[in-house]
Amino acid sequence: LHELGHFGDAAVNAQAALAAVDHAVLASAGEVQGLARSL
């Protein structure tokens, strides 16, 4: 998708997005592991 838009550095954007999701998962589900973490 980054090839079709002016979105800047794909890796940097991905890292920011992953960090945001990880923070939300820790806040709502705690230190879940395995399939529970995937879900």
Full PDB file with SEQRES, HELIX, SHEET, SSBOND, CRYST1, ORIGX, SCALE, CONECT and MASTER records, all heavy atoms in Angstrom:
SEQRES   1 A   39  LEU HIS GLU LEU GLY HIS PHE GLY ASP ALA ALA VAL ASN          
SEQRES   2 A   39  ALA GLN ALA ALA LEU ALA ALA VAL ASP HIS ALA VAL LEU          
SEQRES   3 A   39  ALA SER ALA GLY GLU VAL GLN GLY LEU ALA ARG SER LEU          
HELIX    1 AA1 HIS A    2  LEU A    4  5                                   3    
HELIX    2 AA2 ALA A   10  ALA A   29  1                                  20    
HELIX    3 AA3 GLY A   34  SER A   38  1                                   5    
CRYST1    1.000    1.000    1.000  90.00  90.00  90.00 P 1           1          
ORIGX1      1.000000  0.000000  0.000000        0.00000                         
ORIGX2      0.000000  1.000000  0.000000        0.00000                         
ORIGX3      0.000000  0.000000  1.000000        0.00000                         
SCALE1      1.000000  0.000000  0.000000        0.00000                         
SCALE2      0.000000  1.000000  0.000000        0.00000                         
SCALE3      0.000000  0.000000  1.000000        0.00000                         
ATOM      1  N   LEU A   1       0.821  -1.214   0.000  1.00  0.00           N  
ATOM      2  CA  LEU A   1       0.000   0.000   0.000  1.00  0.00           C  
ATOM      3  C   LEU A   1       0.853   1.262   0.000  1.00  0.00           C  
ATOM      4  O   LEU A   1       0.462   2.277  -0.580  1.00  0.00           O  
ATOM      5  CB  LEU A   1      -0.927   0.009   1.214  1.00  0.00           C  
ATOM      6  CG  LEU A   1      -2.144  -0.907   1.160  1.00  0.00           C  
ATOM      7  CD1 LEU A   1      -2.907  -0.850   2.475  1.00  0.00           C  
ATOM      8  CD2 LEU A   1      -3.057  -0.527   0.004  1.00  0.00           C  
ATOM      9  N   HIS A   2       2.004   1.201   0.649  1.00  0.00           N  
ATOM     10  CA  HIS A   2       2.859   2.386   0.713  1.00  0.00           C  
ATOM     11  C   HIS A   2       3.339   2.813  -0.672  1.00  0.00           C  
ATOM     12  O   HIS A   2       3.685   3.978  -0.870  1.00  0.00           O  
ATOM     13  CB  HIS A   2       4.055   2.134   1.641  1.00  0.00           C  
ATOM     14  CG  HIS A   2       3.783   2.540   3.057  1.00  0.00           C  
ATOM     15  ND1 HIS A   2       2.931   1.842   3.882  1.00  0.00           N  
ATOM     16  CD2 HIS A   2       4.228   3.595   3.787  1.00  0.00           C  
ATOM     17  CE1 HIS A   2       2.876   2.439   5.062  1.00  0.00           C  
ATOM     18  NE2 HIS A   2       3.645   3.493   5.025  1.00  0.00           N  
ATOM     19  N   GLU A   3       3.345   1.883  -1.603  1.00  0.00           N  
ATOM     20  CA  GLU A   3       3.734   2.243  -2.963  1.00  0.00           C  
ATOM     21  C   GLU A   3       2.673   3.109  -3.646  1.00  0.00           C  
ATOM     22  O   GLU A   3       2.962   3.794  -4.626  1.00  0.00           O  
ATOM     23  CB  GLU A   3       3.957   0.975  -3.792  1.00  0.00           C  
ATOM     24  CG  GLU A   3       5.037   0.050  -3.245  1.00  0.00           C  
ATOM     25  CD  GLU A   3       5.100  -1.254  -4.016  1.00  0.00           C  
ATOM     26  OE1 GLU A   3       4.318  -1.392  -4.987  1.00  0.00           O  
ATOM     27  OE2 GLU A   3       5.924  -2.121  -3.658  1.00  0.00           O  
ATOM     28  N   LEU A   4       1.456   3.081  -3.128  1.00  0.00           N  
ATOM     29  CA  LEU A   4       0.345   3.794  -3.760  1.00  0.00           C  
ATOM     30  C   LEU A   4       0.007   5.098  -3.056  1.00  0.00           C  
ATOM     31  O   LEU A   4      -0.964   5.759  -3.434  1.00  0.00           O  
ATOM     32  CB  LEU A   4      -0.897   2.896  -3.791  1.00  0.00           C  
ATOM     33  CG  LEU A   4      -0.724   1.531  -4.471  1.00  0.00           C  
ATOM     34  CD1 LEU A   4      -2.014   0.743  -4.415  1.00  0.00           C  
ATOM     35  CD2 LEU A   4      -0.283   1.729  -5.925  1.00  0.00           C  
ATOM     36  N   GLY A   5       0.771   5.468  -2.068  1.00  0.00           N  
ATOM     37  CA  GLY A   5       0.463   6.696  -1.348  1.00  0.00           C  
ATOM     38  C   GLY A   5       1.717   7.389  -0.851  1.00  0.00           C  
ATOM     39  O   GLY A   5       2.819   6.823  -0.859  1.00  0.00           O  
ATOM     40  N   HIS A   6       1.545   8.618  -0.410  1.00  0.00           N  
ATOM     41  CA  HIS A   6       2.651   9.388   0.166  1.00  0.00           C  
ATOM     42  C   HIS A   6       2.578   9.237   1.682  1.00  0.00           C  
ATOM     43  O   HIS A   6       2.121  10.129   2.402  1.00  0.00           O  
ATOM     44  CB  HIS A   6       2.553  10.851  -0.259  1.00  0.00           C  
ATOM     45  CG  HIS A   6       2.519  11.048  -1.741  1.00  0.00           C  
ATOM     46  ND1 HIS A   6       3.588  10.760  -2.565  1.00  0.00           N  
ATOM     47  CD2 HIS A   6       1.536  11.500  -2.565  1.00  0.00           C  
ATOM     48  CE1 HIS A   6       3.276  11.024  -3.822  1.00  0.00           C  
ATOM     49  NE2 HIS A   6       2.027  11.472  -3.857  1.00  0.00           N  
ATOM     50  N   PHE A   7       3.056   8.092   2.162  1.00  0.00           N  
ATOM     51  CA  PHE A   7       2.910   7.767   3.580  1.00  0.00           C  
ATOM     52  C   PHE A   7       4.231   7.820   4.340  1.00  0.00           C  
ATOM     53  O   PHE A   7       4.272   7.458   5.510  1.00  0.00           O  
ATOM     54  CB  PHE A   7       2.305   6.365   3.736  1.00  0.00           C  
ATOM     55  CG  PHE A   7       0.922   6.234   3.167  1.00  0.00           C  
ATOM     56  CD1 PHE A   7       0.675   5.342   2.134  1.00  0.00           C  
ATOM     57  CD2 PHE A   7      -0.127   6.996   3.645  1.00  0.00           C  
ATOM     58  CE1 PHE A   7      -0.603   5.194   1.606  1.00  0.00           C  
ATOM     59  CE2 PHE A   7      -1.405   6.861   3.127  1.00  0.00           C  
ATOM     60  CZ  PHE A   7      -1.641   5.970   2.104  1.00  0.00           C  
ATOM     61  N   GLY A   8       5.300   8.227   3.694  1.00  0.00           N  
ATOM     62  CA  GLY A   8       6.573   8.296   4.382  1.00  0.00           C  
ATOM     63  C   GLY A   8       7.208   6.924   4.540  1.00  0.00           C  
ATOM     64  O   GLY A   8       7.020   6.028   3.721  1.00  0.00           O  
ATOM     65  N   ASP A   9       7.949   6.752   5.626  1.00  0.00           N  
ATOM     66  CA  ASP A   9       8.713   5.535   5.877  1.00  0.00           C  
ATOM     67  C   ASP A   9       7.775   4.437   6.367  1.00  0.00           C  
ATOM     68  O   ASP A   9       7.217   4.515   7.462  1.00  0.00           O  
ATOM     69  CB  ASP A   9       9.790   5.819   6.928  1.00  0.00           C  
ATOM     70  CG  ASP A   9      10.786   4.675   7.056  1.00  0.00           C  
ATOM     71  OD1 ASP A   9      10.345   3.516   7.032  1.00  0.00           O  
ATOM     72  OD2 ASP A   9      11.993   4.949   7.188  1.00  0.00           O  
ATOM     73  N   ALA A  10       7.642   3.382   5.581  1.00  0.00           N  
ATOM     74  CA  ALA A  10       6.725   2.295   5.929  1.00  0.00           C  
ATOM     75  C   ALA A  10       7.139   1.611   7.223  1.00  0.00           C  
ATOM     76  O   ALA A  10       6.300   1.275   8.060  1.00  0.00           O  
ATOM     77  CB  ALA A  10       6.667   1.277   4.789  1.00  0.00           C  
ATOM     78  N   ALA A  11       8.446   1.409   7.417  1.00  0.00           N  
ATOM     79  CA  ALA A  11       8.923   0.725   8.613  1.00  0.00           C  
ATOM     80  C   ALA A  11       8.637   1.536   9.869  1.00  0.00           C  
ATOM     81  O   ALA A  11       8.206   1.002  10.892  1.00  0.00           O  
ATOM     82  CB  ALA A  11      10.419   0.424   8.488  1.00  0.00           C  
ATOM     83  N   VAL A  12       8.866   2.842   9.787  1.00  0.00           N  
ATOM     84  CA  VAL A  12       8.610   3.715  10.940  1.00  0.00           C  
ATOM     85  C   VAL A  12       7.122   3.728  11.280  1.00  0.00           C  
ATOM     86  O   VAL A  12       6.725   3.634  12.442  1.00  0.00           O  
ATOM     87  CB  VAL A  12       9.110   5.145  10.655  1.00  0.00           C  
ATOM     88  CG1 VAL A  12       8.654   6.114  11.751  1.00  0.00           C  
ATOM     89  CG2 VAL A  12      10.627   5.156  10.540  1.00  0.00           C  
ATOM     90  N   ASN A  13       6.293   3.817  10.261  1.00  0.00           N  
ATOM     91  CA  ASN A  13       4.851   3.814  10.486  1.00  0.00           C  
ATOM     92  C   ASN A  13       4.397   2.499  11.101  1.00  0.00           C  
ATOM     93  O   ASN A  13       3.538   2.478  11.982  1.00  0.00           O  
ATOM     94  CB  ASN A  13       4.108   4.052   9.176  1.00  0.00           C  
ATOM     95  CG  ASN A  13       4.404   5.408   8.574  1.00  0.00           C  
ATOM     96  OD1 ASN A  13       4.735   6.349   9.291  1.00  0.00           O  
ATOM     97  ND2 ASN A  13       4.292   5.515   7.272  1.00  0.00           N  
ATOM     98  N   ALA A  14       4.965   1.398  10.607  1.00  0.00           N  
ATOM     99  CA  ALA A  14       4.594   0.090  11.135  1.00  0.00           C  
ATOM    100  C   ALA A  14       4.994  -0.041  12.597  1.00  0.00           C  
ATOM    101  O   ALA A  14       4.236  -0.551  13.425  1.00  0.00           O  
ATOM    102  CB  ALA A  14       5.240  -1.008  10.296  1.00  0.00           C  
ATOM    103  N   GLN A  15       6.188   0.428  12.934  1.00  0.00           N  
ATOM    104  CA  GLN A  15       6.646   0.341  14.316  1.00  0.00           C  
ATOM    105  C   GLN A  15       5.757   1.158  15.244  1.00  0.00           C  
ATOM    106  O   GLN A  15       5.417   0.714  16.350  1.00  0.00           O  
ATOM    107  CB  GLN A  15       8.096   0.813  14.412  1.00  0.00           C  
ATOM    108  CG  GLN A  15       9.095  -0.135  13.763  1.00  0.00           C  
ATOM    109  CD  GLN A  15      10.471   0.486  13.611  1.00  0.00           C  
ATOM    110  OE1 GLN A  15      10.732   1.592  14.099  1.00  0.00           O  
ATOM    111  NE2 GLN A  15      11.361  -0.224  12.936  1.00  0.00           N  
ATOM    112  N   ALA A  16       5.350   2.341  14.790  1.00  0.00           N  
ATOM    113  CA  ALA A  16       4.467   3.171  15.610  1.00  0.00           C  
ATOM    114  C   ALA A  16       3.111   2.501  15.802  1.00  0.00           C  
ATOM    115  O   ALA A  16       2.542   2.511  16.901  1.00  0.00           O  
ATOM    116  CB  ALA A  16       4.300   4.549  14.962  1.00  0.00           C  
ATOM    117  N   ALA A  17       2.594   1.923  14.730  1.00  0.00           N  
ATOM    118  CA  ALA A  17       1.297   1.252  14.822  1.00  0.00           C  
ATOM    119  C   ALA A  17       1.379   0.034  15.725  1.00  0.00           C  
ATOM    120  O   ALA A  17       0.482  -0.212  16.544  1.00  0.00           O  
ATOM    121  CB  ALA A  17       0.822   0.862  13.426  1.00  0.00           C  
ATOM    122  N   LEU A  18       2.453  -0.765  15.600  1.00  0.00           N  
ATOM    123  CA  LEU A  18       2.613  -1.952  16.440  1.00  0.00           C  
ATOM    124  C   LEU A  18       2.740  -1.575  17.905  1.00  0.00           C  
ATOM    125  O   LEU A  18       2.168  -2.235  18.788  1.00  0.00           O  
ATOM    126  CB  LEU A  18       3.834  -2.742  15.994  1.00  0.00           C  
ATOM    127  CG  LEU A  18       3.726  -3.460  14.645  1.00  0.00           C  
ATOM    128  CD1 LEU A  18       5.084  -3.953  14.186  1.00  0.00           C  
ATOM    129  CD2 LEU A  18       2.743  -4.613  14.723  1.00  0.00           C  
ATOM    130  N   ALA A  19       3.464  -0.510  18.183  1.00  0.00           N  
ATOM    131  CA  ALA A  19       3.616  -0.066  19.569  1.00  0.00           C  
ATOM    132  C   ALA A  19       2.275   0.370  20.150  1.00  0.00           C  
ATOM    133  O   ALA A  19       1.974   0.087  21.319  1.00  0.00           O  
ATOM    134  CB  ALA A  19       4.621   1.087  19.642  1.00  0.00           C  
ATOM    135  N   ALA A  20       1.451   1.041  19.340  1.00  0.00           N  
ATOM    136  CA  ALA A  20       0.141   1.490  19.811  1.00  0.00           C  
ATOM    137  C   ALA A  20      -0.760   0.298  20.133  1.00  0.00           C  
ATOM    138  O   ALA A  20      -1.467   0.283  21.141  1.00  0.00           O  
ATOM    139  CB  ALA A  20      -0.513   2.381  18.764  1.00  0.00           C  
ATOM    140  N   VAL A  21      -0.742  -0.724  19.267  1.00  0.00           N  
ATOM    141  CA  VAL A  21      -1.568  -1.902  19.507  1.00  0.00           C  
ATOM    142  C   VAL A  21      -1.061  -2.665  20.728  1.00  0.00           C  
ATOM    143  O   VAL A  21      -1.843  -3.112  21.568  1.00  0.00           O  
ATOM    144  CB  VAL A  21      -1.599  -2.823  18.278  1.00  0.00           C  
ATOM    145  CG1 VAL A  21      -2.485  -4.033  18.549  1.00  0.00           C  
ATOM    146  CG2 VAL A  21      -2.114  -2.072  17.059  1.00  0.00           C  
ATOM    147  N   ASP A  22       0.245  -2.810  20.844  1.00  0.00           N  
ATOM    148  CA  ASP A  22       0.819  -3.527  21.973  1.00  0.00           C  
ATOM    149  C   ASP A  22       0.429  -2.850  23.282  1.00  0.00           C  
ATOM    150  O   ASP A  22       0.066  -3.518  24.263  1.00  0.00           O  
ATOM    151  CB  ASP A  22       2.337  -3.581  21.838  1.00  0.00           C  
ATOM    152  CG  ASP A  22       2.955  -4.713  22.644  1.00  0.00           C  
ATOM    153  OD1 ASP A  22       2.273  -5.738  22.848  1.00  0.00           O  
ATOM    154  OD2 ASP A  22       4.108  -4.581  23.080  1.00  0.00           O  
ATOM    155  N   HIS A  23       0.457  -1.530  23.307  1.00  0.00           N  
ATOM    156  CA  HIS A  23       0.059  -0.783  24.498  1.00  0.00           C  
ATOM    157  C   HIS A  23      -1.407  -1.035  24.835  1.00  0.00           C  
ATOM    158  O   HIS A  23      -1.768  -1.242  26.001  1.00  0.00           O  
ATOM    159  CB  HIS A  23       0.303   0.713  24.277  1.00  0.00           C  
ATOM    160  CG  HIS A  23      -0.156   1.574  25.412  1.00  0.00           C  
ATOM    161  ND1 HIS A  23       0.543   1.698  26.592  1.00  0.00           N  
ATOM    162  CD2 HIS A  23      -1.272   2.352  25.560  1.00  0.00           C  
ATOM    163  CE1 HIS A  23      -0.102   2.500  27.417  1.00  0.00           C  
ATOM    164  NE2 HIS A  23      -1.198   2.911  26.811  1.00  0.00           N  
ATOM    165  N   ALA A  24      -2.254  -1.039  23.803  1.00  0.00           N  
ATOM    166  CA  ALA A  24      -3.689  -1.271  24.024  1.00  0.00           C  
ATOM    167  C   ALA A  24      -3.951  -2.681  24.527  1.00  0.00           C  
ATOM    168  O   ALA A  24      -4.785  -2.897  25.414  1.00  0.00           O  
ATOM    169  CB  ALA A  24      -4.462  -1.025  22.728  1.00  0.00           C  
ATOM    170  N   VAL A  25      -3.228  -3.666  23.987  1.00  0.00           N  
ATOM    171  CA  VAL A  25      -3.418  -5.048  24.415  1.00  0.00           C  
ATOM    172  C   VAL A  25      -2.982  -5.219  25.870  1.00  0.00           C  
ATOM    173  O   VAL A  25      -3.672  -5.852  26.684  1.00  0.00           O  
ATOM    174  CB  VAL A  25      -2.640  -6.012  23.502  1.00  0.00           C  
ATOM    175  CG1 VAL A  25      -2.603  -7.418  24.096  1.00  0.00           C  
ATOM    176  CG2 VAL A  25      -3.277  -6.044  22.123  1.00  0.00           C  
ATOM    177  N   LEU A  26      -1.853  -4.630  26.225  1.00  0.00           N  
ATOM    178  CA  LEU A  26      -1.385  -4.728  27.607  1.00  0.00           C  
ATOM    179  C   LEU A  26      -2.353  -4.050  28.565  1.00  0.00           C  
ATOM    180  O   LEU A  26      -2.580  -4.519  29.682  1.00  0.00           O  
ATOM    181  CB  LEU A  26       0.009  -4.102  27.726  1.00  0.00           C  
ATOM    182  CG  LEU A  26       1.156  -4.881  27.075  1.00  0.00           C  
ATOM    183  CD1 LEU A  26       2.437  -4.071  27.117  1.00  0.00           C  
ATOM    184  CD2 LEU A  26       1.359  -6.222  27.771  1.00  0.00           C  
ATOM    185  N   ALA A  27      -2.949  -2.937  28.121  1.00  0.00           N  
ATOM    186  CA  ALA A  27      -3.871  -2.215  28.983  1.00  0.00           C  
ATOM    187  C   ALA A  27      -5.177  -2.961  29.189  1.00  0.00           C  
ATOM    188  O   ALA A  27      -5.782  -2.898  30.264  1.00  0.00           O  
ATOM    189  CB  ALA A  27      -4.154  -0.827  28.393  1.00  0.00           C  
ATOM    190  N   SER A  28      -5.616  -3.683  28.162  1.00  0.00           N  
ATOM    191  CA  SER A  28      -6.928  -4.323  28.243  1.00  0.00           C  
ATOM    192  C   SER A  28      -6.862  -5.799  28.611  1.00  0.00           C  
ATOM    193  O   SER A  28      -7.755  -6.320  29.264  1.00  0.00           O  
ATOM    194  CB  SER A  28      -7.668  -4.183  26.907  1.00  0.00           C  
ATOM    195  OG  SER A  28      -6.954  -4.845  25.876  1.00  0.00           O  
ATOM    196  N   ALA A  29      -5.802  -6.483  28.188  1.00  0.00           N  
ATOM    197  CA  ALA A  29      -5.738  -7.931  28.385  1.00  0.00           C  
ATOM    198  C   ALA A  29      -4.587  -8.380  29.264  1.00  0.00           C  
ATOM    199  O   ALA A  29      -4.529  -9.538  29.651  1.00  0.00           O  
ATOM    200  CB  ALA A  29      -5.647  -8.637  27.026  1.00  0.00           C  
ATOM    201  N   GLY A  30      -3.663  -7.479  29.564  1.00  0.00           N  
ATOM    202  CA  GLY A  30      -2.549  -7.860  30.413  1.00  0.00           C  
ATOM    203  C   GLY A  30      -1.516  -8.679  29.669  1.00  0.00           C  
ATOM    204  O   GLY A  30      -1.440  -8.669  28.451  1.00  0.00           O  
ATOM    205  N   GLU A  31      -0.715  -9.425  30.440  1.00  0.00           N  
ATOM    206  CA  GLU A  31       0.392 -10.202  29.866  1.00  0.00           C  
ATOM    207  C   GLU A  31      -0.110 -11.548  29.342  1.00  0.00           C  
ATOM    208  O   GLU A  31       0.303 -12.609  29.804  1.00  0.00           O  
ATOM    209  CB  GLU A  31       1.479 -10.415  30.920  1.00  0.00           C  
ATOM    210  CG  GLU A  31       2.169  -9.151  31.359  1.00  0.00           C  
ATOM    211  CD  GLU A  31       3.172  -8.635  30.337  1.00  0.00           C  
ATOM    212  OE1 GLU A  31       3.406  -9.352  29.339  1.00  0.00           O  
ATOM    213  OE2 GLU A  31       3.713  -7.547  30.542  1.00  0.00           O  
ATOM    214  N   VAL A  32      -1.035 -11.502  28.396  1.00  0.00           N  
ATOM    215  CA  VAL A  32      -1.549 -12.747  27.829  1.00  0.00           C  
ATOM    216  C   VAL A  32      -0.525 -13.312  26.850  1.00  0.00           C  
ATOM    217  O   VAL A  32       0.238 -12.571  26.232  1.00  0.00           O  
ATOM    218  CB  VAL A  32      -2.897 -12.524  27.117  1.00  0.00           C  
ATOM    219  CG1 VAL A  32      -3.981 -12.225  28.135  1.00  0.00           C  
ATOM    220  CG2 VAL A  32      -2.793 -11.404  26.095  1.00  0.00           C  
ATOM    221  N   GLN A  33      -0.539 -14.624  26.708  1.00  0.00           N  
ATOM    222  CA  GLN A  33       0.431 -15.286  25.849  1.00  0.00           C  
ATOM    223  C   GLN A  33      -0.276 -16.255  24.916  1.00  0.00           C  
ATOM    224  O   GLN A  33      -1.449 -16.566  25.075  1.00  0.00           O  
ATOM    225  CB  GLN A  33       1.461 -16.043  26.709  1.00  0.00           C  
ATOM    226  CG  GLN A  33       2.263 -15.158  27.639  1.00  0.00           C  
ATOM    227  CD  GLN A  33       3.100 -14.120  26.902  1.00  0.00           C  
ATOM    228  OE1 GLN A  33       3.604 -14.382  25.807  1.00  0.00           O  
ATOM    229  NE2 GLN A  33       3.248 -12.947  27.492  1.00  0.00           N  
ATOM    230  N   GLY A  34       0.483 -16.746  23.921  1.00  0.00           N  
ATOM    231  CA  GLY A  34      -0.022 -17.770  23.021  1.00  0.00           C  
ATOM    232  C   GLY A  34      -1.222 -17.307  22.218  1.00  0.00           C  
ATOM    233  O   GLY A  34      -1.285 -16.169  21.740  1.00  0.00           O  
ATOM    234  N   LEU A  35      -2.203 -18.207  22.075  1.00  0.00           N  
ATOM    235  CA  LEU A  35      -3.383 -17.901  21.277  1.00  0.00           C  
ATOM    236  C   LEU A  35      -4.212 -16.786  21.901  1.00  0.00           C  
ATOM    237  O   LEU A  35      -4.846 -16.017  21.184  1.00  0.00           O  
ATOM    238  CB  LEU A  35      -4.230 -19.160  21.106  1.00  0.00           C  
ATOM    239  CG  LEU A  35      -3.671 -20.209  20.152  1.00  0.00           C  
ATOM    240  CD1 LEU A  35      -4.533 -21.458  20.185  1.00  0.00           C  
ATOM    241  CD2 LEU A  35      -3.590 -19.661  18.736  1.00  0.00           C  
ATOM    242  N   ALA A  36      -4.204 -16.696  23.226  1.00  0.00           N  
ATOM    243  CA  ALA A  36      -4.945 -15.614  23.882  1.00  0.00           C  
ATOM    244  C   ALA A  36      -4.370 -14.258  23.469  1.00  0.00           C  
ATOM    245  O   ALA A  36      -5.117 -13.292  23.271  1.00  0.00           O  
ATOM    246  CB  ALA A  36      -4.900 -15.780  25.398  1.00  0.00           C  
ATOM    247  N   ARG A  37      -3.058 -14.187  23.318  1.00  0.00           N  
ATOM    248  CA  ARG A  37      -2.430 -12.937  22.868  1.00  0.00           C  
ATOM    249  C   ARG A  37      -2.812 -12.641  21.417  1.00  0.00           C  
ATOM    250  O   ARG A  37      -3.109 -11.494  21.074  1.00  0.00           O  
ATOM    251  CB  ARG A  37      -0.914 -13.032  23.012  1.00  0.00           C  
ATOM    252  CG  ARG A  37      -0.169 -11.787  22.505  1.00  0.00           C  
ATOM    253  CD  ARG A  37       1.320 -11.907  22.796  1.00  0.00           C  
ATOM    254  NE  ARG A  37       2.078 -10.816  22.186  1.00  0.00           N  
ATOM    255  CZ  ARG A  37       2.178  -9.583  22.691  1.00  0.00           C  
ATOM    256  NH1 ARG A  37       1.551  -9.292  23.813  1.00  0.00           N  
ATOM    257  NH2 ARG A  37       2.882  -8.656  22.074  1.00  0.00           N  
ATOM    258  N   SER A  38      -2.798 -13.662  20.575  1.00  0.00           N  
ATOM    259  CA  SER A  38      -3.191 -13.457  19.177  1.00  0.00           C  
ATOM    260  C   SER A  38      -4.603 -12.910  19.085  1.00  0.00           C  
ATOM    261  O   SER A  38      -4.881 -11.981  18.311  1.00  0.00           O  
ATOM    262  CB  SER A  38      -3.092 -14.783  18.408  1.00  0.00           C  
ATOM    263  OG  SER A  38      -1.767 -15.256  18.359  1.00  0.00           O  
ATOM    264  N   LEU A  39      -5.499 -13.484  19.874  1.00  0.00           N  
ATOM    265  CA  LEU A  39      -6.884 -13.038  19.834  1.00  0.00           C  
ATOM    266  C   LEU A  39      -7.022 -11.640  20.422  1.00  0.00           C  
ATOM    267  O   LEU A  39      -7.826 -10.829  19.929  1.00  0.00           O  
ATOM    268  CB  LEU A  39      -7.776 -14.022  20.597  1.00  0.00           C  
ATOM    269  CG  LEU A  39      -9.277 -13.815  20.459  1.00  0.00           C  
ATOM    270  CD1 LEU A  39      -9.702 -13.815  18.991  1.00  0.00           C  
ATOM    271  CD2 LEU A  39     -10.042 -14.889  21.222  1.00  0.00           C  
TER     272      LEU A  39                                                      
MASTER        0    0    0    3    0    0    0    6  271    1    0    3          
END                                                                             
